[in-house]
C-alpha cells in the first residue's frame, strides 16, 4: 500500500494510516446493509438490517478505535429442509471511529440494529508553549 503519511510534516499519524489500510480492506463487504445518519447536534446513528438475528446472536464492541458488529446464527440441528433459501449467516462489520467518538446505545427492534454514537464538541483554541533556555 502507498504510504500517505511519509511527509516529515505529518508527525504521529502512523495509527491513522493503519486505520485507513484496515478500512480499505473491508470496503467491499456488502452484508449486512446499513445506513449512517447524522443529527444537527453532531450525533451519528448507524442502522444495520439484521433480520433473523436475535439479540443474543449479535455483539457490538469497540476495539482500537473501531466499532465492530458481529452476527453469528446457529444452524438448527433438528430441522430437515425441503428447500433452503434462508441460510444461517455470520458477519463482521467494522467502522473506524475518530478520536473521542463514543458509543452511546445499541438497540435491536424489528430486525434493525441501531447504534447511536456521540461526537464531542471541539473547542478551537491556541496554546502558547514557553521557550526555555538550555537543552531541556
Protein backbone atom coordinates (compact mmCIF):
# COMPACT_ATOMS: atom_id res chain seq x y z
CA UNK A 1 0.00 0.00 0.00
CA UNK A 2 1.19 3.51 -0.75
CA UNK A 3 2.36 5.41 2.28
CA UNK A 4 0.19 8.50 2.59
CA UNK A 5 1.79 9.88 5.70
CA UNK A 6 5.50 9.74 4.87
CA UNK A 7 5.88 13.53 4.84
CA UNK A 8 8.21 14.91 7.53
CA UNK A 9 5.48 17.45 8.36
CA UNK A 10 2.94 14.78 9.39
CA UNK A 11 4.22 13.51 12.73
CA UNK A 12 2.46 10.81 14.73
CA UNK A 13 -0.07 9.74 12.06
CA UNK A 14 1.11 6.11 11.81
CA UNK A 15 -2.01 4.82 13.58
CA UNK A 16 -4.25 6.77 11.21
CA UNK A 17 -2.51 5.17 8.25
CA UNK A 18 -3.09 1.70 9.74
CA UNK A 19 -6.79 2.50 10.25
CA UNK A 20 -7.12 3.66 6.63
CA UNK A 21 -5.50 0.46 5.38
CA UNK A 22 -7.86 -1.64 7.52
CA UNK A 23 -10.85 0.32 6.22
CA UNK A 24 -9.79 -0.12 2.59
CA UNK A 25 -9.61 -3.89 3.04
CA UNK A 26 -13.19 -4.13 4.34
CA UNK A 27 -14.76 -1.63 1.92
CA UNK A 28 -16.11 -4.28 -0.48
CA UNK A 29 -18.24 -6.12 2.07
CA UNK A 30 -21.95 -5.71 1.40
CA UNK A 31 -23.69 -7.66 4.16
CA UNK A 32 -25.49 -6.59 6.21
CA UNK A 33 -26.73 -3.41 4.54
CA UNK A 34 -26.61 -0.29 6.70
CA UNK A 35 -27.48 3.41 6.90
CA UNK A 36 -25.47 6.16 8.58
CA UNK A 37 -27.34 9.25 9.75
CA UNK A 38 -26.15 12.47 11.32
CA UNK A 39 -28.12 14.83 13.54
CA UNK A 40 -27.85 18.60 13.85
CA UNK A 41 -26.06 18.24 17.20
CA UNK A 42 -23.30 16.15 15.58
CA UNK A 43 -24.57 12.78 16.83
CA UNK A 44 -24.27 9.81 14.48
CA UNK A 45 -26.59 6.80 14.15
CA UNK A 46 -25.72 3.59 12.32
CA UNK A 47 -28.61 1.26 11.45
CA UNK A 48 -27.91 -2.27 10.23
CA UNK A 49 -30.52 -4.60 8.68
CA UNK A 50 -30.08 -7.79 10.72
CA UNK A 51 -33.38 -9.58 10.09
CA UNK A 52 -33.43 -13.05 11.60
CA UNK A 53 -30.79 -12.32 14.26
CA UNK A 54 -31.70 -12.33 17.93
CA UNK A 55 -30.09 -10.05 20.49
CA UNK A 56 -28.02 -12.99 21.77
CA UNK A 57 -26.60 -13.65 18.27
CA UNK A 58 -25.25 -10.09 17.92
CA UNK A 59 -22.34 -8.33 19.59
CA UNK A 60 -21.24 -4.69 19.47
CA UNK A 61 -17.71 -3.88 20.66
CA UNK A 62 -15.19 -1.06 20.36
CA UNK A 63 -11.70 -2.36 19.56
CA UNK A 64 -8.78 0.02 18.96
CA UNK A 65 -10.84 2.92 17.57
CA UNK A 66 -13.10 0.58 15.60
CA UNK A 67 -16.77 -0.14 16.14
CA UNK A 68 -17.14 -3.86 15.43
CA UNK A 69 -20.54 -5.51 14.96
CA UNK A 70 -20.63 -9.29 14.75
CA UNK A 71 -23.53 -11.60 13.98
CA UNK A 72 -23.46 -15.37 14.38
CA UNK A 73 -26.52 -17.54 13.78
CA UNK A 74 -26.58 -21.16 14.85
CA UNK A 75 -27.59 -23.85 12.39
CA UNK A 76 -30.74 -25.63 13.60
CA UNK A 77 -29.73 -29.26 14.15
CA UNK A 78 -33.26 -30.64 14.48
CA UNK A 79 -34.68 -29.38 11.17
CA UNK A 80 -34.86 -31.04 7.76
CA UNK A 81 -35.33 -28.62 4.87
CA UNK A 82 -37.10 -29.39 1.59
CA UNK A 83 -35.79 -26.05 0.31
CA UNK A 84 -33.21 -23.84 1.99
CA UNK A 85 -33.44 -20.25 0.77
CA UNK A 86 -32.60 -18.56 4.07
CA UNK A 87 -29.15 -19.55 5.21
CA UNK A 88 -27.83 -19.04 8.72
CA UNK A 89 -25.17 -16.38 8.22
CA UNK A 90 -22.28 -14.86 10.02
CA UNK A 91 -21.00 -11.35 9.51
CA UNK A 92 -18.50 -8.86 10.80
CA UNK A 93 -18.95 -5.15 10.03
CA UNK A 94 -16.37 -2.63 11.26
CA UNK A 95 -16.42 1.18 11.29
CA UNK A 96 -13.36 3.30 12.12
CA UNK A 97 -14.13 5.83 14.87
CA UNK A 98 -12.45 9.20 15.14
CA UNK A 99 -10.75 10.12 18.40
CA UNK A 100 -13.32 10.98 21.06
CA UNK A 101 -16.38 9.36 19.45
CA UNK A 102 -18.20 7.11 21.93
CA UNK A 103 -20.94 4.52 21.56
CA UNK A 104 -23.98 5.77 23.47
CA UNK A 105 -26.53 2.99 22.92
CA UNK A 106 -27.31 -0.06 20.80
CA UNK A 107 -30.88 -1.30 20.31
CA UNK A 108 -32.48 -4.08 18.26
CA UNK A 109 -36.03 -3.51 17.01
CA UNK A 110 -37.95 -5.06 14.10
CA UNK A 111 -34.81 -6.57 12.56
CA UNK A 112 -32.86 -3.30 12.67
CA UNK A 113 -29.86 -2.78 14.94
CA UNK A 114 -29.41 0.93 15.72
CA UNK A 115 -26.17 2.15 17.26
CA UNK A 116 -26.05 5.74 18.49
CA UNK A 117 -22.68 7.49 18.66
CA UNK A 118 -21.77 10.72 20.43
CA UNK A 119 -19.27 13.15 18.96
CA UNK A 120 -17.56 15.54 21.39
CA UNK A 121 -17.79 19.26 20.76
CA UNK A 122 -14.38 20.52 19.66
CA UNK A 123 -13.40 23.88 21.05
CA UNK A 124 -10.76 25.56 18.89
CA UNK A 125 -8.01 27.18 20.85
CA UNK A 126 -4.44 28.32 20.88
CA UNK A 127 -1.89 27.14 23.41
CA UNK A 128 1.32 29.08 23.92
CA UNK A 129 4.44 26.99 24.55
CA UNK A 130 7.06 28.68 26.67
CA UNK A 131 10.58 28.69 25.24
CA UNK A 132 13.17 27.76 27.84
CA UNK A 133 16.91 28.27 27.90
CA UNK A 134 19.22 25.29 27.61
CA UNK A 135 18.74 21.75 26.33
CA UNK A 136 15.62 20.95 28.38
